[in-house]
Protein backbone atom coordinates (compact mmCIF):
# COMPACT_ATOMS: atom_id res chain seq x y z
CA MET A 1 -173.23 80.27 99.40
CA HIS A 2 -175.15 82.73 96.99
CA ILE A 3 -173.97 80.59 94.14
CA ALA A 4 -174.77 77.28 95.62
CA ARG A 5 -178.50 78.67 96.15
CA GLN A 6 -178.64 79.72 92.50
CA ARG A 7 -177.52 76.38 91.31
CA GLU A 8 -180.21 74.57 93.68
CA ASP A 9 -182.69 76.93 92.27
CA PHE A 10 -181.71 76.14 88.74
CA HIS A 11 -181.82 72.51 89.36
CA TYR A 12 -185.42 72.70 90.69
CA LYS A 13 -186.69 74.76 87.99
CA THR A 14 -185.02 72.73 85.37
CA ALA A 15 -186.29 69.41 86.87
CA ASP A 16 -189.83 70.74 87.19
CA LYS A 17 -189.89 71.98 83.42
CA LEU A 18 -188.51 68.50 82.31
CA VAL A 19 -191.07 66.48 84.45
CA ARG A 20 -194.03 69.00 83.31
CA GLU A 21 -193.02 68.47 79.65
CA ASN A 22 -192.46 64.49 79.66
CA ASP A 23 -194.02 61.34 80.71
CA LEU A 24 -190.66 59.23 80.72
CA ILE A 25 -187.29 60.54 81.19
CA ALA A 26 -184.05 58.49 80.56
CA VAL A 27 -180.72 59.27 81.90
CA GLU A 28 -177.39 57.48 81.94
CA ASN A 29 -176.62 55.63 85.28
CA LEU A 30 -173.32 57.44 85.46
CA ASN A 31 -170.56 56.76 88.07
CA ILE A 32 -169.86 60.29 88.90
CA ARG A 33 -167.23 59.77 91.14
CA GLY A 34 -165.43 57.56 88.59
CA LEU A 35 -165.86 60.43 86.03
CA ALA A 36 -164.58 62.99 88.39
CA ARG A 37 -161.21 60.94 88.91
CA ASN A 38 -160.17 62.48 85.44
CA THR A 39 -158.45 65.49 86.55
CA LYS A 40 -159.36 67.39 83.50
CA LEU A 41 -163.08 66.91 83.79
CA SER A 42 -163.38 66.83 87.69
CA LYS A 43 -163.81 70.65 88.08
CA SER A 44 -166.61 70.65 85.35
CA ILE A 45 -168.46 67.65 86.84
CA TYR A 46 -168.41 69.01 90.36
CA ASP A 47 -169.26 72.61 89.23
CA VAL A 48 -172.47 71.30 87.43
CA ALA A 49 -173.40 68.89 90.36
CA TRP A 50 -174.86 66.43 88.00
CA GLY A 51 -175.43 63.99 90.93
CA ALA A 52 -177.42 66.55 92.84
CA PHE A 53 -179.57 67.47 89.98
CA ILE A 54 -180.38 63.66 89.34
CA ILE A 55 -181.43 63.43 93.01
CA LYS A 56 -183.83 66.50 92.50
CA LEU A 57 -185.04 65.23 89.35
CA ASN A 58 -185.92 61.99 90.95
CA ALA A 59 -187.64 63.86 93.62
CA VAL A 60 -189.83 65.92 91.40
CA ALA A 61 -190.74 63.12 89.26
CA ALA A 62 -191.85 60.85 92.14
CA VAL A 63 -194.26 63.85 93.21
CA ARG A 64 -195.65 64.06 89.76
CA GLY A 65 -195.69 60.32 88.77
CA VAL A 66 -193.28 60.70 86.03
CA HIS A 67 -191.00 57.63 85.29
CA ILE A 68 -187.20 57.95 85.29
CA ILE A 69 -185.31 55.09 83.93
CA LYS A 70 -181.49 54.85 84.47
CA VAL A 71 -179.75 53.08 81.69
CA ASN A 72 -176.28 51.45 81.29
CA PRO A 73 -174.16 53.99 79.60
CA ASP A 74 -171.95 51.43 78.01
CA ASN A 75 -171.32 51.87 74.25
CA THR A 76 -174.16 54.49 73.90
CA SER A 77 -171.88 56.91 71.78
CA GLN A 78 -170.13 54.11 69.98
CA ASN A 79 -173.16 52.07 68.73
CA CYS A 80 -175.13 53.44 65.76
CA SER A 81 -178.55 54.50 66.85
CA ASN A 82 -179.90 53.29 63.39
CA CYS A 83 -178.43 49.99 62.88
CA GLY A 84 -176.56 48.97 65.94
CA HIS A 85 -173.00 48.81 64.51
CA LYS A 86 -170.26 49.60 66.59
CA VAL A 87 -168.36 52.43 65.47
CA THR A 88 -165.17 53.04 67.59
CA LYS A 89 -164.04 56.53 68.11
CA ASN A 90 -162.24 58.75 70.52
CA LEU A 91 -163.88 61.34 72.60
CA SER A 92 -162.32 64.14 70.51
CA VAL A 93 -164.43 62.87 67.45
CA ARG A 94 -167.66 64.82 67.91
CA THR A 95 -169.60 63.23 64.84
CA HIS A 96 -170.82 59.88 64.53
CA SER A 97 -170.47 58.44 61.07
CA CYS A 98 -171.57 54.72 60.56
CA SER A 99 -169.68 52.90 57.78
CA LYS A 100 -172.45 50.23 57.62
CA CYS A 101 -175.70 52.16 57.17
CA GLY A 102 -174.37 55.77 56.28
CA THR A 103 -176.08 57.44 59.36
CA VAL A 104 -174.17 60.67 60.22
CA LEU A 105 -175.24 62.31 63.61
CA ASP A 106 -173.76 64.53 66.27
CA ARG A 107 -172.14 62.30 68.73
CA ASP A 108 -174.25 63.24 71.49
CA GLN A 109 -177.38 63.07 69.54
CA ASN A 110 -176.48 59.44 68.57
CA ALA A 111 -175.90 58.57 72.32
CA ALA A 112 -179.08 60.21 73.26
CA ILE A 113 -180.94 58.22 70.91
CA ASN A 114 -179.35 55.09 72.10
CA ILE A 115 -180.18 55.89 75.66
CA LEU A 116 -183.81 56.53 74.88
CA ASN A 117 -184.01 53.30 72.92
CA LYS A 118 -182.48 51.48 75.88
CA ALA A 119 -185.01 52.91 78.15
CA LEU A 120 -187.87 52.06 76.06
CA ASN A 121 -186.74 48.81 75.69
CA GLU A 122 -186.36 48.49 79.52
CA VAL A 123 -190.32 49.38 79.86
CA GLY A 124 -191.43 47.16 77.04
CA ILE A 125 -191.92 49.45 74.30
CA ILE A 126 -190.56 48.42 70.84
CA LEU A 127 -191.03 50.81 68.09
CA SER A 128 -191.13 49.36 64.64
CA ALA A 129 -189.50 51.01 61.61
CA CYS A 130 -193.12 52.56 60.69
CA GLY A 131 -193.60 53.85 64.20
CA GLY A 132 -195.93 51.24 65.48
CA LEU A 133 -195.87 49.99 69.01
CA ASP A 134 -195.60 46.57 70.45
CA VAL A 135 -198.94 45.63 72.23
CA ASN A 136 -197.34 44.03 75.29
CA GLN A 137 -196.23 47.43 76.76
CA PRO A 138 -197.00 48.80 80.23
CA VAL A 139 -199.74 51.28 80.84
CA PHE A 140 -197.67 54.20 81.55
CA ALA A 141 -195.87 53.84 78.34
CA GLN A 142 -198.90 53.77 76.42
CA ARG A 143 -199.80 56.80 78.13
CA CYS A 144 -196.56 58.35 77.04
CA VAL A 145 -197.24 57.62 73.43
CA SER A 146 -200.80 58.33 73.21
CA THR A 147 -200.48 61.92 74.80
CA ARG A 148 -198.01 62.76 72.03
CA LYS A 149 -195.66 64.13 74.88
CA LYS A 150 -192.06 64.03 74.00
CA LEU A 151 -189.72 61.48 75.46
CA LEU A 152 -186.68 63.07 76.83
CA CYS A 153 -183.24 61.78 77.10
CA LEU A 154 -180.58 63.62 79.20
CA ARG A 155 -177.07 62.79 77.85
CA SER A 156 -174.40 64.24 80.36
CA SER A 157 -173.30 67.18 82.24
CA ARG A 158 -171.86 68.89 79.27
CA TYR A 159 -175.19 70.40 78.54
CA ASN A 160 -174.80 72.08 82.02
CA LEU A 161 -178.17 70.92 83.19
């Protein structure tokens, strides 16, 4: 029981910190049970309790009025975050290298940018190349940008959140 309480305390403290520091949080809408079917990953997935953390994050965010956007995780690590070109790679390949535009990023960083872009697109924020914003965006998205708070994207349980 002691470890379970420590994990729960860590989840709440982490969720509180993330919610205090961000106006918009983007997460993958993961099928955790499906991921846990992989016997090599199941122990790690259940140990981290990713699903329990997301539930706590949603609860803390609801109290503080922070928006959580769940996005479809399809091709987030395959598509180039710079040009959108699909770069097929195995899970063992940890670096994203786009043959079309030359972008080289850590695989998870590339996926995090794609997840964030999907979330921003869902709420109607379109960032131009010069950083300008589309005028047809929701009010909470404008607040997110105008306060200069960071936008956060949580990638997966591999970061032990």
